[in-house]
C-alpha atoms as a PDB file:
ATOM      1  CA  MET A   1      66.823  26.317 -62.226  1.00  0.00           C
ATOM      2  CA  LYS A   2      64.799  27.262 -65.265  1.00  0.00           C
ATOM      3  CA  ALA A   3      66.342  27.316 -68.729  1.00  0.00           C
ATOM      4  CA  GLU A   4      65.824  31.074 -69.149  1.00  0.00           C
ATOM      5  CA  GLU A   5      67.622  31.839 -65.890  1.00  0.00           C
ATOM      6  CA  TYR A   6      70.494  29.505 -66.821  1.00  0.00           C
ATOM      7  CA  LYS A   7      70.920  31.177 -70.221  1.00  0.00           C
ATOM      8  CA  ARG A   8      71.023  34.572 -68.530  1.00  0.00           C
ATOM      9  CA  ILE A   9      73.551  33.487 -65.895  1.00  0.00           C
ATOM     10  CA  ILE A  10      76.023  31.875 -68.306  1.00  0.00           C
ATOM     11  CA  LYS A  11      76.108  35.074 -70.373  1.00  0.00           C
ATOM     12  CA  GLU A  12      77.197  37.159 -67.374  1.00  0.00           C
ATOM     13  CA  ASP A  13      80.613  38.797 -67.459  1.00  0.00           C
ATOM     14  CA  ASN A  14      82.166  36.737 -64.667  1.00  0.00           C
ATOM     15  CA  VAL A  15      81.417  33.309 -66.172  1.00  0.00           C
ATOM     16  CA  LEU A  16      83.763  31.098 -68.198  1.00  0.00           C
ATOM     17  CA  ASP A  17      83.247  27.739 -69.843  1.00  0.00           C
ATOM     18  CA  PHE A  18      84.987  24.498 -68.875  1.00  0.00           C
ATOM     19  CA  GLY A  19      87.211  24.464 -71.971  1.00  0.00           C
ATOM     20  CA  THR A  20      88.651  27.880 -71.156  1.00  0.00           C
ATOM     21  CA  LEU A  21      89.355  26.886 -67.568  1.00  0.00           C
ATOM     22  CA  LYS A  22      90.874  23.563 -68.640  1.00  0.00           C
ATOM     23  CA  VAL A  23      93.296  25.191 -71.092  1.00  0.00           C
ATOM     24  CA  THR A  24      94.132  27.888 -68.545  1.00  0.00           C
ATOM     25  CA  LYS A  25      94.917  25.272 -65.919  1.00  0.00           C
ATOM     26  CA  GLU A  26      97.110  23.331 -68.363  1.00  0.00           C
ATOM     27  CA  GLN A  27      99.074  26.444 -69.323  1.00  0.00           C
ATOM     28  CA  LEU A  28      99.454  27.575 -65.706  1.00  0.00           C
ATOM     29  CA  ASP A  29     100.701  24.102 -64.837  1.00  0.00           C
ATOM     30  CA  LYS A  30     103.373  24.430 -67.535  1.00  0.00           C
ATOM     31  CA  THR A  31     104.540  27.690 -65.946  1.00  0.00           C
ATOM     32  CA  GLY A  32     104.718  26.053 -62.533  1.00  0.00           C
ATOM     33  CA  ASN A  33     102.167  28.379 -60.941  1.00  0.00           C
ATOM     34  CA  LYS A  34     100.796  25.847 -58.471  1.00  0.00           C
ATOM     35  CA  ARG A  35      98.764  28.416 -56.545  1.00  0.00           C
ATOM     36  CA  LEU A  36      96.786  29.546 -59.594  1.00  0.00           C
ATOM     37  CA  VAL A  37      96.393  25.942 -60.769  1.00  0.00           C
ATOM     38  CA  ALA A  38      94.809  25.229 -57.385  1.00  0.00           C
ATOM     39  CA  GLU A  39      92.549  28.283 -57.761  1.00  0.00           C
ATOM     40  CA  ILE A  40      91.321  27.083 -61.178  1.00  0.00           C
ATOM     41  CA  GLU A  41      90.739  23.608 -59.716  1.00  0.00           C
ATOM     42  CA  ARG A  42      88.766  25.224 -56.886  1.00  0.00           C
ATOM     43  CA  ILE A  43      86.606  27.122 -59.364  1.00  0.00           C
ATOM     44  CA  ILE A  44      85.929  23.912 -61.297  1.00  0.00           C
ATOM     45  CA  THR A  45      85.075  22.057 -58.086  1.00  0.00           C
ATOM     46  CA  ASP A  46      83.104  24.723 -56.219  1.00  0.00           C
ATOM     47  CA  ASN A  47      81.752  27.271 -58.704  1.00  0.00           C
ATOM     48  CA  LYS A  48      79.890  25.210 -61.284  1.00  0.00           C
ATOM     49  CA  ILE A  49      76.651  26.761 -62.457  1.00  0.00           C
ATOM     50  CA  ASP A  50      73.940  24.135 -62.202  1.00  0.00           C
ATOM     51  CA  LYS A  51      72.294  23.205 -65.487  1.00  0.00           C
ATOM     52  CA  PRO A  52      68.525  23.247 -65.749  1.00  0.00           C
ATOM     53  CA  LEU A  53      66.798  19.856 -65.696  1.00  0.00           C
ATOM     54  CA  SER A  54      65.845  20.404 -69.323  1.00  0.00           C
ATOM     55  CA  HIS A  55      69.513  20.679 -70.424  1.00  0.00           C
ATOM     56  CA  ASN A  56      70.235  18.024 -73.034  1.00  0.00           C
ATOM     57  CA  ASP A  57      73.685  17.175 -71.634  1.00  0.00           C
ATOM     58  CA  GLN A  58      73.605  16.982 -67.852  1.00  0.00           C
ATOM     59  CA  VAL A  59      76.720  14.860 -67.349  1.00  0.00           C
ATOM     60  CA  THR A  60      79.317  16.155 -69.810  1.00  0.00           C
ATOM     61  CA  GLN A  61      81.757  18.504 -68.108  1.00  0.00           C
ATOM     62  CA  GLU A  62      82.667  20.123 -71.431  1.00  0.00           C
ATOM     63  CA  THR A  63      79.249  21.845 -71.448  1.00  0.00           C
ATOM     64  CA  ASP A  64      79.639  23.287 -67.943  1.00  0.00           C
ATOM     65  CA  PHE A  65      80.059  26.948 -67.004  1.00  0.00           C
ATOM     66  CA  TYR A  66      81.663  28.391 -63.873  1.00  0.00           C
ATOM     67  CA  LEU A  67      81.574  31.573 -61.845  1.00  0.00           C
ATOM     68  CA  VAL A  68      85.069  33.091 -61.806  1.00  0.00           C
ATOM     69  CA  ASP A  69      85.906  34.800 -58.531  1.00  0.00           C
ATOM     70  CA  LEU A  70      89.627  35.472 -58.842  1.00  0.00           C
ATOM     71  CA  ASP A  71      91.097  38.790 -57.787  1.00  0.00           C
ATOM     72  CA  THR A  72      92.463  41.331 -60.255  1.00  0.00           C
ATOM     73  CA  ASP A  73      96.104  40.328 -59.740  1.00  0.00           C
ATOM     74  CA  ASP A  74      95.366  36.680 -60.530  1.00  0.00           C
ATOM     75  CA  ILE A  75      93.424  37.598 -63.656  1.00  0.00           C
ATOM     76  CA  GLU A  76      96.277  39.900 -64.688  1.00  0.00           C
ATOM     77  CA  THR A  77      98.720  37.008 -64.348  1.00  0.00           C
ATOM     78  CA  ILE A  78      96.551  34.842 -66.596  1.00  0.00           C
ATOM     79  CA  VAL A  79      96.052  37.633 -69.162  1.00  0.00           C
ATOM     80  CA  SER A  80      99.803  38.215 -69.236  1.00  0.00           C
ATOM     81  CA  MET A  81     100.458  34.494 -69.692  1.00  0.00           C
ATOM     82  CA  PHE A  82      98.109  34.249 -72.677  1.00  0.00           C
ATOM     83  CA  GLY A  83      99.567  37.460 -74.136  1.00  0.00           C
ATOM     84  CA  ASP A  84     103.038  35.932 -73.964  1.00  0.00           C
ATOM     85  CA  LEU A  85     101.751  32.701 -75.514  1.00  0.00           C
ATOM     86  CA  GLU A  86     100.083  34.631 -78.338  1.00  0.00           C
ATOM     87  CA  VAL A  87     103.248  36.566 -79.154  1.00  0.00           C
ATOM     88  CA  GLY A  88     105.346  33.401 -78.905  1.00  0.00           C
ATOM     89  CA  ALA A  89     103.072  31.634 -81.383  1.00  0.00           C
ATOM     90  CA  LEU A  90     103.347  34.305 -84.087  1.00  0.00           C
ATOM     91  CA  GLY A  91     104.995  33.177 -87.291  1.00  0.00           C
ATOM     92  CA  ILE A  92     107.994  34.526 -89.150  1.00  0.00           C
ATOM     93  CA  GLY A  93     107.430  38.210 -89.778  1.00  0.00           C
ATOM     94  CA  TYR A  94     104.994  38.236 -86.847  1.00  0.00           C
ATOM     95  CA  GLU A  95     102.050  37.023 -88.917  1.00  0.00           C
ATOM     96  CA  THR A  96      99.246  35.347 -87.076  1.00  0.00           C
ATOM     97  CA  THR A  97      99.073  31.597 -86.844  1.00  0.00           C
ATOM     98  CA  ARG A  98      96.325  29.259 -85.733  1.00  0.00           C
ATOM     99  CA  ALA A  99      97.987  28.915 -82.317  1.00  0.00           C
ATOM    100  CA  ALA A 100      98.416  32.692 -81.952  1.00  0.00           C
ATOM    101  CA  SER A 101      94.755  33.187 -82.820  1.00  0.00           C
ATOM    102  CA  PHE A 102      93.738  30.568 -80.244  1.00  0.00           C
ATOM    103  CA  TYR A 103      95.790  32.224 -77.505  1.00  0.00           C
ATOM    104  CA  ALA A 104      94.361  35.626 -78.500  1.00  0.00           C
ATOM    105  CA  THR A 105      90.864  34.219 -78.017  1.00  0.00           C
ATOM    106  CA  MET A 106      91.819  32.886 -74.581  1.00  0.00           C
ATOM    107  CA  LEU A 107      93.384  36.237 -73.700  1.00  0.00           C
ATOM    108  CA  ASP A 108      90.195  38.045 -74.752  1.00  0.00           C
ATOM    109  CA  LYS A 109      88.008  35.803 -72.589  1.00  0.00           C
ATOM    110  CA  TRP A 110      90.078  36.524 -69.487  1.00  0.00           C
ATOM    111  CA  ASN A 111      90.604  40.172 -70.386  1.00  0.00           C
ATOM    112  CA  ASP A 112      86.825  40.677 -70.593  1.00  0.00           C
ATOM    113  CA  LEU A 113      86.201  39.613 -66.993  1.00  0.00           C
ATOM    114  CA  PRO A 114      84.749  42.541 -65.017  1.00  0.00           C
ATOM    115  CA  ASP A 115      87.366  42.347 -62.245  1.00  0.00           C
ATOM    116  CA  TYR A 116      90.080  42.990 -64.793  1.00  0.00           C
ATOM    117  CA  ARG A 117      88.585  45.761 -66.940  1.00  0.00           C
END
């Protein structure tokens, strides 16, 4: 794959980075949703977007991107989970906190997937 094609693909609407999937899997695991944990693991195993040969970090998983192919109900479950986490992380008087801001960012990434809009 050429670098230009890779850059185009990882900017597509149905692509998420490894860090987002890792945090999502960790949070789903805490809720006990084994089925969705397995789906995230499947995405990480099967849906990696190959890096171009010119990529400066071929082996680090943290720089990987993945095609997300979950159905709308699964994405809704994840969006709802991060919404609950965001609200739960608000401070006294419902002011934002660093954790609430982080969960809001995660929520936005999942909420922006085309199968959920």
